[in-house]
Amino acid sequence: MSRKLLLIMAVMVCAPSCDRMPVVVSLPPPPEPKAGFLIVRLASPTSDDGAIVFEIRGPAAGTALASDPAMWILGESVASTTRRSVLAGDLETGPLGAFAVPDVSTAPLYSAIVLEVANRDNAVRSSIGAYKLTIAP
């Protein structure tokens, strides 16, 4: 066979697959993680709360800080993805505190639940169903 015939046959065999060649697309790199704090906010049905026990769950919840220097907070890690905290003081609807995270864009991966609430006379609330906590940057 001649070279010309071999070339024509090679083109005929390869031509149908040319439109299926992979296309390389370069995507921009993901943004760099931005360390910071996520804020825990309380929605309370009462106006005389004095203490709350709550859990934060997420990939890396760090040290918690109270939003008001007149309040005190004590927390401990109960699992690699769970941090339990007690916050005492004159609690109101709004920001309770904040906790450190390695990347604030991961806020949707965190959740918080109320475990117990007491009034300012230290009487435990019989129902906590109306209490809500939210987490956001």
N, C-alpha and C. Protein backbone atom coordinates (compact mmCIF):
# COMPACT_ATOMS: atom_id res chain seq x y z
N MET A 1 0.84 -1.18 0.00
CA MET A 1 0.00 0.00 0.00
C MET A 1 0.88 1.24 0.00
N SER A 2 0.35 2.22 -0.63
CA SER A 2 1.11 3.45 -0.70
C SER A 2 0.88 4.30 0.55
N ARG A 3 1.78 5.19 0.74
CA ARG A 3 1.64 6.09 1.90
C ARG A 3 0.39 6.93 1.79
N LYS A 4 0.06 7.33 0.60
CA LYS A 4 -1.11 8.17 0.39
C LYS A 4 -2.37 7.42 0.79
N LEU A 5 -2.48 6.15 0.43
CA LEU A 5 -3.64 5.34 0.77
C LEU A 5 -3.72 5.10 2.28
N LEU A 6 -2.58 4.85 2.93
CA LEU A 6 -2.55 4.68 4.38
C LEU A 6 -3.00 5.95 5.09
N LEU A 7 -2.57 7.09 4.60
CA LEU A 7 -2.95 8.37 5.19
C LEU A 7 -4.45 8.59 5.06
N ILE A 8 -5.01 8.28 3.91
CA ILE A 8 -6.46 8.44 3.69
C ILE A 8 -7.22 7.51 4.62
N MET A 9 -6.78 6.27 4.77
CA MET A 9 -7.47 5.32 5.66
C MET A 9 -7.39 5.77 7.12
N ALA A 10 -6.24 6.29 7.52
CA ALA A 10 -6.08 6.77 8.90
C ALA A 10 -7.01 7.94 9.18
N VAL A 11 -7.14 8.84 8.23
CA VAL A 11 -8.04 9.99 8.40
C VAL A 11 -9.48 9.51 8.47
N MET A 12 -9.85 8.52 7.67
CA MET A 12 -11.23 8.01 7.67
C MET A 12 -11.56 7.31 8.99
N VAL A 13 -10.59 6.62 9.56
CA VAL A 13 -10.82 5.93 10.82
C VAL A 13 -10.89 6.93 11.99
N CYS A 14 -10.03 7.92 11.99
CA CYS A 14 -9.95 8.87 13.10
C CYS A 14 -10.96 10.00 13.00
N ALA A 15 -11.38 10.36 11.83
CA ALA A 15 -12.26 11.52 11.64
C ALA A 15 -13.57 11.42 12.44
N PRO A 16 -14.26 10.28 12.46
CA PRO A 16 -15.51 10.24 13.21
C PRO A 16 -15.33 10.48 14.72
N SER A 17 -14.16 10.19 15.27
CA SER A 17 -13.97 10.36 16.71
C SER A 17 -13.40 11.73 17.06
N CYS A 18 -13.07 12.53 16.07
CA CYS A 18 -12.49 13.84 16.36
C CYS A 18 -13.45 14.75 17.10
N ASP A 19 -14.76 14.62 16.84
CA ASP A 19 -15.72 15.49 17.53
C ASP A 19 -15.94 15.04 18.97
N ARG A 20 -15.35 13.91 19.36
CA ARG A 20 -15.50 13.41 20.73
C ARG A 20 -14.23 13.62 21.55
N MET A 21 -13.37 14.43 21.04
CA MET A 21 -12.13 14.70 21.75
C MET A 21 -12.47 15.45 23.05
N PRO A 22 -11.79 15.14 24.14
CA PRO A 22 -12.08 15.84 25.40
C PRO A 22 -11.72 17.32 25.31
N VAL A 23 -12.54 18.13 25.93
CA VAL A 23 -12.30 19.56 25.98
C VAL A 23 -11.81 19.88 27.39
N VAL A 24 -10.71 20.54 27.47
CA VAL A 24 -10.14 20.88 28.76
C VAL A 24 -10.63 22.28 29.14
N VAL A 25 -11.30 22.37 30.29
CA VAL A 25 -11.79 23.64 30.78
C VAL A 25 -11.08 23.95 32.09
N SER A 26 -10.53 25.11 32.18
CA SER A 26 -9.86 25.51 33.42
C SER A 26 -10.83 26.30 34.29
N LEU A 27 -11.04 25.79 35.49
CA LEU A 27 -11.89 26.49 36.45
C LEU A 27 -11.01 27.32 37.37
N PRO A 28 -11.55 28.43 37.85
CA PRO A 28 -10.74 29.20 38.79
C PRO A 28 -10.56 28.42 40.09
N PRO A 29 -9.48 28.66 40.79
CA PRO A 29 -9.27 27.94 42.05
C PRO A 29 -10.33 28.35 43.07
N PRO A 30 -10.65 27.45 44.01
CA PRO A 30 -11.63 27.82 45.05
C PRO A 30 -11.07 28.93 45.91
N PRO A 31 -11.96 29.73 46.51
CA PRO A 31 -11.46 30.81 47.36
C PRO A 31 -10.72 30.26 48.57
N GLU A 32 -9.77 31.03 49.05
CA GLU A 32 -9.01 30.65 50.23
C GLU A 32 -9.93 30.67 51.45
N PRO A 33 -9.78 29.73 52.39
CA PRO A 33 -10.59 29.78 53.61
C PRO A 33 -10.33 31.07 54.38
N LYS A 34 -11.40 31.62 54.96
CA LYS A 34 -11.27 32.86 55.74
C LYS A 34 -11.69 32.57 57.17
N ALA A 35 -10.72 32.48 58.05
CA ALA A 35 -11.00 32.22 59.47
C ALA A 35 -11.74 33.40 60.07
N GLY A 36 -12.56 33.12 61.06
CA GLY A 36 -13.30 34.18 61.71
C GLY A 36 -14.24 33.62 62.75
N PHE A 37 -15.33 34.34 62.99
CA PHE A 37 -16.30 33.95 64.01
C PHE A 37 -17.68 33.83 63.40
N LEU A 38 -18.45 32.85 63.88
CA LEU A 38 -19.86 32.73 63.54
C LEU A 38 -20.65 33.15 64.78
N ILE A 39 -21.75 33.84 64.56
CA ILE A 39 -22.56 34.38 65.66
C ILE A 39 -23.74 33.46 65.93
N VAL A 40 -23.96 33.18 67.21
CA VAL A 40 -25.12 32.40 67.65
C VAL A 40 -26.17 33.40 68.13
N ARG A 41 -27.37 33.32 67.54
CA ARG A 41 -28.46 34.23 67.91
C ARG A 41 -29.59 33.43 68.56
N LEU A 42 -30.19 34.04 69.56
CA LEU A 42 -31.29 33.42 70.30
C LEU A 42 -32.60 34.10 69.95
N ALA A 43 -33.63 33.29 69.75
CA ALA A 43 -35.01 33.77 69.68
C ALA A 43 -35.71 33.16 70.89
N SER A 44 -36.10 34.02 71.84
CA SER A 44 -36.68 33.56 73.10
C SER A 44 -38.13 34.03 73.24
N PRO A 45 -39.00 33.17 73.75
CA PRO A 45 -40.39 33.59 73.96
C PRO A 45 -40.59 34.37 75.26
N THR A 46 -39.55 34.49 76.09
CA THR A 46 -39.68 35.17 77.38
C THR A 46 -38.67 36.30 77.49
N SER A 47 -38.81 37.11 78.53
CA SER A 47 -37.90 38.24 78.70
C SER A 47 -37.09 38.15 79.99
N ASP A 48 -37.15 37.01 80.68
CA ASP A 48 -36.41 36.90 81.94
C ASP A 48 -35.52 35.65 81.99
N ASP A 49 -34.90 35.33 80.86
CA ASP A 49 -33.99 34.17 80.83
C ASP A 49 -32.67 34.54 81.49
N GLY A 50 -32.13 33.60 82.28
CA GLY A 50 -30.89 33.86 82.99
C GLY A 50 -29.77 32.91 82.64
N ALA A 51 -30.10 31.79 82.03
CA ALA A 51 -29.05 30.83 81.65
C ALA A 51 -29.57 29.91 80.55
N ILE A 52 -28.66 29.45 79.72
CA ILE A 52 -29.02 28.53 78.64
C ILE A 52 -27.89 27.52 78.46
N VAL A 53 -28.26 26.28 78.25
CA VAL A 53 -27.32 25.23 77.88
C VAL A 53 -27.63 24.89 76.43
N PHE A 54 -26.61 24.91 75.58
CA PHE A 54 -26.84 24.63 74.16
C PHE A 54 -25.65 23.89 73.57
N GLU A 55 -25.89 23.27 72.43
CA GLU A 55 -24.83 22.57 71.70
C GLU A 55 -24.68 23.19 70.32
N ILE A 56 -23.44 23.30 69.90
CA ILE A 56 -23.11 23.70 68.54
C ILE A 56 -22.54 22.47 67.87
N ARG A 57 -23.07 22.15 66.71
CA ARG A 57 -22.58 21.00 65.95
C ARG A 57 -22.07 21.47 64.59
N GLY A 58 -20.92 20.97 64.23
CA GLY A 58 -20.34 21.35 62.95
C GLY A 58 -18.91 20.86 62.85
N PRO A 59 -18.28 21.11 61.72
CA PRO A 59 -16.96 20.53 61.47
C PRO A 59 -15.85 20.95 62.43
N ALA A 60 -15.85 22.19 62.89
CA ALA A 60 -14.73 22.63 63.73
C ALA A 60 -15.12 23.83 64.57
N ALA A 61 -16.03 23.65 65.50
CA ALA A 61 -16.44 24.76 66.37
C ALA A 61 -15.37 25.00 67.42
N GLY A 62 -14.85 26.20 67.42
CA GLY A 62 -13.78 26.53 68.36
C GLY A 62 -14.31 27.20 69.61
N THR A 63 -13.45 27.90 70.27
CA THR A 63 -13.75 28.58 71.53
C THR A 63 -14.91 29.56 71.36
N ALA A 64 -15.84 29.52 72.30
CA ALA A 64 -16.99 30.42 72.27
C ALA A 64 -16.74 31.64 73.13
N LEU A 65 -17.29 32.78 72.70
CA LEU A 65 -17.19 34.04 73.42
C LEU A 65 -18.59 34.60 73.63
N ALA A 66 -18.87 35.15 74.80
CA ALA A 66 -20.17 35.77 75.07
C ALA A 66 -20.23 37.12 74.34
N SER A 67 -21.44 37.49 73.90
CA SER A 67 -21.60 38.76 73.18
C SER A 67 -21.60 39.96 74.12
N ASP A 68 -21.79 39.72 75.41
CA ASP A 68 -21.84 40.79 76.40
C ASP A 68 -20.85 40.47 77.51
N PRO A 69 -19.97 41.40 77.85
CA PRO A 69 -18.98 41.10 78.90
C PRO A 69 -19.61 40.86 80.28
N ALA A 70 -20.88 41.23 80.45
CA ALA A 70 -21.55 40.98 81.73
C ALA A 70 -22.02 39.53 81.84
N MET A 71 -21.97 38.78 80.75
CA MET A 71 -22.36 37.36 80.76
C MET A 71 -21.10 36.52 80.84
N TRP A 72 -21.25 35.29 81.31
CA TRP A 72 -20.12 34.37 81.27
C TRP A 72 -20.53 33.12 80.53
N ILE A 73 -19.53 32.51 79.90
CA ILE A 73 -19.78 31.31 79.11
C ILE A 73 -18.74 30.26 79.47
N LEU A 74 -19.18 29.03 79.53
CA LEU A 74 -18.30 27.90 79.81
C LEU A 74 -18.64 26.83 78.78
N GLY A 75 -17.65 26.30 78.11
CA GLY A 75 -17.91 25.30 77.09
C GLY A 75 -16.91 24.18 77.10
N GLU A 76 -17.32 23.07 76.52
CA GLU A 76 -16.43 21.92 76.40
C GLU A 76 -16.78 21.16 75.13
N SER A 77 -15.80 20.52 74.56
CA SER A 77 -16.04 19.67 73.40
C SER A 77 -16.51 18.32 73.91
N VAL A 78 -17.67 17.87 73.43
CA VAL A 78 -18.18 16.57 73.85
C VAL A 78 -17.97 15.52 72.75
N ALA A 79 -17.57 15.97 71.59
CA ALA A 79 -17.21 15.10 70.46
C ALA A 79 -16.42 15.97 69.49
N SER A 80 -15.82 15.36 68.48
CA SER A 80 -15.00 16.13 67.55
C SER A 80 -15.83 17.15 66.77
N THR A 81 -17.14 16.94 66.67
CA THR A 81 -17.99 17.87 65.93
C THR A 81 -19.07 18.51 66.80
N THR A 82 -18.95 18.39 68.12
CA THR A 82 -19.98 18.93 69.02
C THR A 82 -19.33 19.67 70.18
N ARG A 83 -19.82 20.88 70.44
CA ARG A 83 -19.35 21.68 71.57
C ARG A 83 -20.56 22.08 72.40
N ARG A 84 -20.56 21.75 73.68
CA ARG A 84 -21.66 22.10 74.59
C ARG A 84 -21.23 23.30 75.42
N SER A 85 -22.13 24.27 75.55
CA SER A 85 -21.81 25.49 76.29
C SER A 85 -22.94 25.87 77.23
N VAL A 86 -22.56 26.56 78.31
CA VAL A 86 -23.50 27.15 79.26
C VAL A 86 -23.23 28.65 79.23
N LEU A 87 -24.28 29.43 79.05
CA LEU A 87 -24.16 30.88 79.04
C LEU A 87 -25.09 31.42 80.10
N ALA A 88 -24.56 32.27 80.98
CA ALA A 88 -25.37 32.83 82.06
C ALA A 88 -25.27 34.35 82.06
N GLY A 89 -26.37 34.97 82.41
CA GLY A 89 -26.45 36.42 82.45
C GLY A 89 -27.87 36.83 82.12
N ASP A 90 -28.08 38.11 81.87
CA ASP A 90 -29.41 38.58 81.46
C ASP A 90 -29.56 38.35 79.96
N LEU A 91 -30.11 37.20 79.59
CA LEU A 91 -30.22 36.81 78.19
C LEU A 91 -31.42 37.49 77.54
N GLU A 92 -31.24 37.90 76.30
CA GLU A 92 -32.31 38.52 75.52
C GLU A 92 -32.29 37.93 74.12
N THR A 93 -33.39 38.13 73.41
CA THR A 93 -33.42 37.75 72.01
C THR A 93 -32.35 38.55 71.28
N GLY A 94 -31.56 37.87 70.47
CA GLY A 94 -30.47 38.52 69.74
C GLY A 94 -29.19 37.72 69.89
N PRO A 95 -28.06 38.34 69.60
CA PRO A 95 -26.78 37.61 69.67
C PRO A 95 -26.45 37.15 71.09
N LEU A 96 -26.13 35.87 71.20
CA LEU A 96 -25.68 35.31 72.49
C LEU A 96 -24.16 35.35 72.58
N GLY A 97 -23.53 35.01 71.49
CA GLY A 97 -22.08 34.92 71.48
C GLY A 97 -21.59 34.51 70.11
N ALA A 98 -20.32 34.20 70.05
CA ALA A 98 -19.70 33.80 68.79
C ALA A 98 -18.69 32.69 69.07
N PHE A 99 -18.36 31.96 68.03
CA PHE A 99 -17.33 30.92 68.18
C PHE A 99 -16.42 30.94 66.96
N ALA A 100 -15.17 30.61 67.19
CA ALA A 100 -14.15 30.65 66.15
C ALA A 100 -14.30 29.46 65.20
N VAL A 101 -14.10 29.74 63.90
CA VAL A 101 -14.11 28.69 62.88
C VAL A 101 -12.97 28.94 61.90
N PRO A 102 -12.46 27.90 61.27
CA PRO A 102 -11.37 28.09 60.31
C PRO A 102 -11.81 28.71 58.99
N ASP A 103 -13.13 28.65 58.70
CA ASP A 103 -13.63 29.21 57.43
C ASP A 103 -15.09 29.64 57.61
N VAL A 104 -15.35 30.95 57.59
CA VAL A 104 -16.70 31.45 57.81
C VAL A 104 -17.67 31.09 56.68
N SER A 105 -17.17 30.73 55.52
CA SER A 105 -18.06 30.35 54.43
C SER A 105 -18.73 28.99 54.67
N THR A 106 -18.29 28.28 55.70
CA THR A 106 -18.88 26.98 56.03
C THR A 106 -20.03 27.12 57.03
N ALA A 107 -20.52 28.33 57.28
CA ALA A 107 -21.60 28.56 58.25
C ALA A 107 -22.79 27.62 58.07
N PRO A 108 -23.23 27.30 56.84
CA PRO A 108 -24.38 26.39 56.70
C PRO A 108 -24.14 24.98 57.24
N LEU A 109 -22.90 24.62 57.50
CA LEU A 109 -22.59 23.29 58.02
C LEU A 109 -22.76 23.20 59.53
N TYR A 110 -23.03 24.33 60.18
CA TYR A 110 -23.17 24.37 61.63
C TYR A 110 -24.63 24.48 62.04
N SER A 111 -24.95 23.90 63.19
CA SER A 111 -26.29 24.02 63.76
C SER A 111 -26.16 24.15 65.27
N ALA A 112 -27.22 24.66 65.90
CA ALA A 112 -27.21 24.82 67.35
C ALA A 112 -28.57 24.39 67.89
N ILE A 113 -28.55 23.71 69.02
CA ILE A 113 -29.80 23.29 69.66
C ILE A 113 -29.79 23.70 71.14
N VAL A 114 -30.97 24.04 71.62
CA VAL A 114 -31.15 24.39 73.03
C VAL A 114 -31.38 23.10 73.81
N LEU A 115 -30.63 22.92 74.89
CA LEU A 115 -30.80 21.75 75.74
C LEU A 115 -31.56 22.06 77.02
N GLU A 116 -31.35 23.27 77.54
CA GLU A 116 -32.01 23.65 78.79
C GLU A 116 -31.94 25.16 78.96
N VAL A 117 -32.99 25.73 79.59
CA VAL A 117 -33.03 27.16 79.86
C VAL A 117 -33.54 27.36 81.29
N ALA A 118 -32.98 28.35 81.97
CA ALA A 118 -33.46 28.71 83.31
C ALA A 118 -33.77 30.20 83.32
N ASN A 119 -34.72 30.58 84.19
CA ASN A 119 -35.02 32.01 84.32
C ASN A 119 -33.98 32.66 85.22
N ARG A 120 -34.14 33.95 85.49
CA ARG A 120 -33.14 34.68 86.27
C ARG A 120 -33.15 34.31 87.75
N ASP A 121 -34.18 33.58 88.19
CA ASP A 121 -34.22 33.06 89.56
C ASP A 121 -33.67 31.64 89.62
N ASN A 122 -33.09 31.17 88.50
CA ASN A 122 -32.48 29.85 88.38
C ASN A 122 -33.49 28.71 88.38
N ALA A 123 -34.73 28.98 88.02
CA ALA A 123 -35.73 27.92 87.87
C ALA A 123 -35.69 27.42 86.42
N VAL A 124 -35.55 26.11 86.26
CA VAL A 124 -35.47 25.52 84.92
C VAL A 124 -36.83 25.63 84.23
N ARG A 125 -36.81 26.04 82.97
CA ARG A 125 -38.03 26.14 82.17
C ARG A 125 -38.58 24.74 81.91
N SER A 126 -39.90 24.60 82.03
CA SER A 126 -40.50 23.28 81.80
C SER A 126 -40.61 22.96 80.32
N SER A 127 -40.61 23.98 79.48
CA SER A 127 -40.71 23.76 78.04
C SER A 127 -39.70 24.66 77.32
N ILE A 128 -38.97 24.08 76.37
CA ILE A 128 -38.00 24.87 75.60
C ILE A 128 -38.29 24.84 74.10
N GLY A 129 -39.46 24.31 73.73
CA GLY A 129 -39.79 24.16 72.32
C GLY A 129 -39.84 25.45 71.53
N ALA A 130 -40.13 26.57 72.18
CA ALA A 130 -40.24 27.84 71.47
C ALA A 130 -38.91 28.57 71.35
N TYR A 131 -37.87 28.04 71.97
CA TYR A 131 -36.55 28.67 71.88
C TYR A 131 -35.87 28.21 70.59
N LYS A 132 -35.26 29.16 69.89
CA LYS A 132 -34.56 28.85 68.63
C LYS A 132 -33.19 29.50 68.63
N LEU A 133 -32.22 28.79 68.11
CA LEU A 133 -30.87 29.32 67.91
C LEU A 133 -30.54 29.29 66.43
N THR A 134 -29.90 30.33 65.95
CA THR A 134 -29.43 30.36 64.56
C THR A 134 -27.95 30.72 64.56
N ILE A 135 -27.28 30.32 63.50
CA ILE A 135 -25.85 30.57 63.35
C ILE A 135 -25.62 31.23 62.00
N ALA A 136 -24.85 32.32 62.01
CA ALA A 136 -24.54 33.03 60.77
C ALA A 136 -23.25 33.82 60.97
N PRO A 137 -22.59 34.20 59.87
CA PRO A 137 -21.37 35.03 59.99
C PRO A 137 -21.71 36.40 60.57
